[in-house]
Amino acid sequence: MIVILINKNGAFVDIGVKHDGLVHISELSDNFVKNPSDVVSIGDIVKVKVIKIDLERQKVSLSMKI
């Protein structure tokens, strides 16, 4: 999975399906994260797990806490 966008709320990851997934800032690490860019960069290959799929809103929530 590849990080494609970073904002103040977390990182968007291309997970190989129609919609990208979001790793919320609280799911980037077991430790406190002030700025998502401190943990990931665009283009990074990351391991994630799906924690929620909202079909109605077409959103995929991910976690890097594996």
C-alpha atoms as a PDB file:
ATOM      1  CA  MET A   1       0.000   0.000   0.000  1.00  0.00           C
ATOM      2  CA  ILE A   2       1.340   3.435  -0.954  1.00  0.00           C
ATOM      3  CA  VAL A   3       0.856   6.787   0.798  1.00  0.00           C
ATOM      4  CA  ILE A   4      -0.570   9.193  -1.802  1.00  0.00           C
ATOM      5  CA  LEU A   5      -1.608  12.229   0.270  1.00  0.00           C
ATOM      6  CA  ILE A   6      -0.917  13.620   3.719  1.00  0.00           C
ATOM      7  CA  ASN A   7      -2.961  16.232   5.538  1.00  0.00           C
ATOM      8  CA  LYS A   8      -3.466  17.353   9.146  1.00  0.00           C
ATOM      9  CA  ASN A   9      -5.942  14.504   9.752  1.00  0.00           C
ATOM     10  CA  GLY A  10      -3.714  11.661   8.608  1.00  0.00           C
ATOM     11  CA  ALA A  11      -2.574   9.898   5.458  1.00  0.00           C
ATOM     12  CA  PHE A  12      -4.480   8.637   2.433  1.00  0.00           C
ATOM     13  CA  VAL A  13      -3.277   5.294   1.149  1.00  0.00           C
ATOM     14  CA  ASP A  14      -3.843   3.632  -2.232  1.00  0.00           C
ATOM     15  CA  ILE A  15      -5.136   0.201  -1.264  1.00  0.00           C
ATOM     16  CA  GLY A  16      -5.684  -1.069  -4.784  1.00  0.00           C
ATOM     17  CA  VAL A  17      -9.452  -0.596  -5.004  1.00  0.00           C
ATOM     18  CA  LYS A  18     -11.739   2.158  -6.305  1.00  0.00           C
ATOM     19  CA  HIS A  19     -11.493   4.276  -3.139  1.00  0.00           C
ATOM     20  CA  ASP A  20      -8.361   5.147  -1.192  1.00  0.00           C
ATOM     21  CA  GLY A  21      -8.240   4.525   2.536  1.00  0.00           C
ATOM     22  CA  LEU A  22      -7.524   6.978   5.339  1.00  0.00           C
ATOM     23  CA  VAL A  23      -5.146   6.269   8.183  1.00  0.00           C
ATOM     24  CA  HIS A  24      -6.378   8.781  10.769  1.00  0.00           C
ATOM     25  CA  ILE A  25      -3.631  10.549  12.728  1.00  0.00           C
ATOM     26  CA  SER A  26      -4.638   8.537  15.813  1.00  0.00           C
ATOM     27  CA  GLU A  27      -4.010   5.289  13.880  1.00  0.00           C
ATOM     28  CA  LEU A  28      -0.554   6.163  12.498  1.00  0.00           C
ATOM     29  CA  SER A  29       1.356   4.988  15.559  1.00  0.00           C
ATOM     30  CA  ASP A  30       0.971   3.669  19.087  1.00  0.00           C
ATOM     31  CA  ASN A  31       2.703   6.877  20.182  1.00  0.00           C
ATOM     32  CA  PHE A  32       1.290  10.420  20.036  1.00  0.00           C
ATOM     33  CA  VAL A  33       1.647  11.971  16.568  1.00  0.00           C
ATOM     34  CA  LYS A  34       1.540  15.761  16.267  1.00  0.00           C
ATOM     35  CA  ASN A  35       2.161  15.898  12.521  1.00  0.00           C
ATOM     36  CA  PRO A  36       1.456  12.972  10.158  1.00  0.00           C
ATOM     37  CA  SER A  37       4.495  13.979   8.069  1.00  0.00           C
ATOM     38  CA  ASP A  38       6.671  13.003  11.029  1.00  0.00           C
ATOM     39  CA  VAL A  39       5.591   9.376  10.517  1.00  0.00           C
ATOM     40  CA  VAL A  40       4.975   8.952   6.772  1.00  0.00           C
ATOM     41  CA  SER A  41       5.900  10.613   3.488  1.00  0.00           C
ATOM     42  CA  ILE A  42       4.159  10.569   0.118  1.00  0.00           C
ATOM     43  CA  GLY A  43       5.336   7.494  -1.779  1.00  0.00           C
ATOM     44  CA  ASP A  44       6.060   5.437   1.339  1.00  0.00           C
ATOM     45  CA  ILE A  45       5.033   1.800   1.197  1.00  0.00           C
ATOM     46  CA  VAL A  46       3.163   1.000   4.407  1.00  0.00           C
ATOM     47  CA  LYS A  47       1.452  -1.975   6.026  1.00  0.00           C
ATOM     48  CA  VAL A  48      -2.125  -1.240   7.035  1.00  0.00           C
ATOM     49  CA  LYS A  49      -5.179  -3.085   8.250  1.00  0.00           C
ATOM     50  CA  VAL A  50      -8.791  -2.213   7.522  1.00  0.00           C
ATOM     51  CA  ILE A  51     -10.626  -1.164  10.671  1.00  0.00           C
ATOM     52  CA  LYS A  52     -13.892   0.073   9.156  1.00  0.00           C
ATOM     53  CA  ILE A  53     -15.698   0.154   5.824  1.00  0.00           C
ATOM     54  CA  ASP A  54     -18.551   2.651   5.431  1.00  0.00           C
ATOM     55  CA  LEU A  55     -20.342   1.577   2.255  1.00  0.00           C
ATOM     56  CA  GLU A  56     -22.881   4.397   2.438  1.00  0.00           C
ATOM     57  CA  ARG A  57     -20.213   7.112   2.612  1.00  0.00           C
ATOM     58  CA  GLN A  58     -17.742   5.070   0.525  1.00  0.00           C
ATOM     59  CA  LYS A  59     -14.959   5.454   3.091  1.00  0.00           C
ATOM     60  CA  VAL A  60     -12.326   2.984   4.202  1.00  0.00           C
ATOM     61  CA  SER A  61     -10.669   3.535   7.580  1.00  0.00           C
ATOM     62  CA  LEU A  62      -7.223   2.045   8.049  1.00  0.00           C
ATOM     63  CA  SER A  63      -4.706   1.586  10.840  1.00  0.00           C
ATOM     64  CA  MET A  64      -0.932   1.256  10.854  1.00  0.00           C
ATOM     65  CA  LYS A  65      -1.108  -0.194  14.385  1.00  0.00           C
ATOM     66  CA  ILE A  66      -0.469  -3.781  13.351  1.00  0.00           C
END
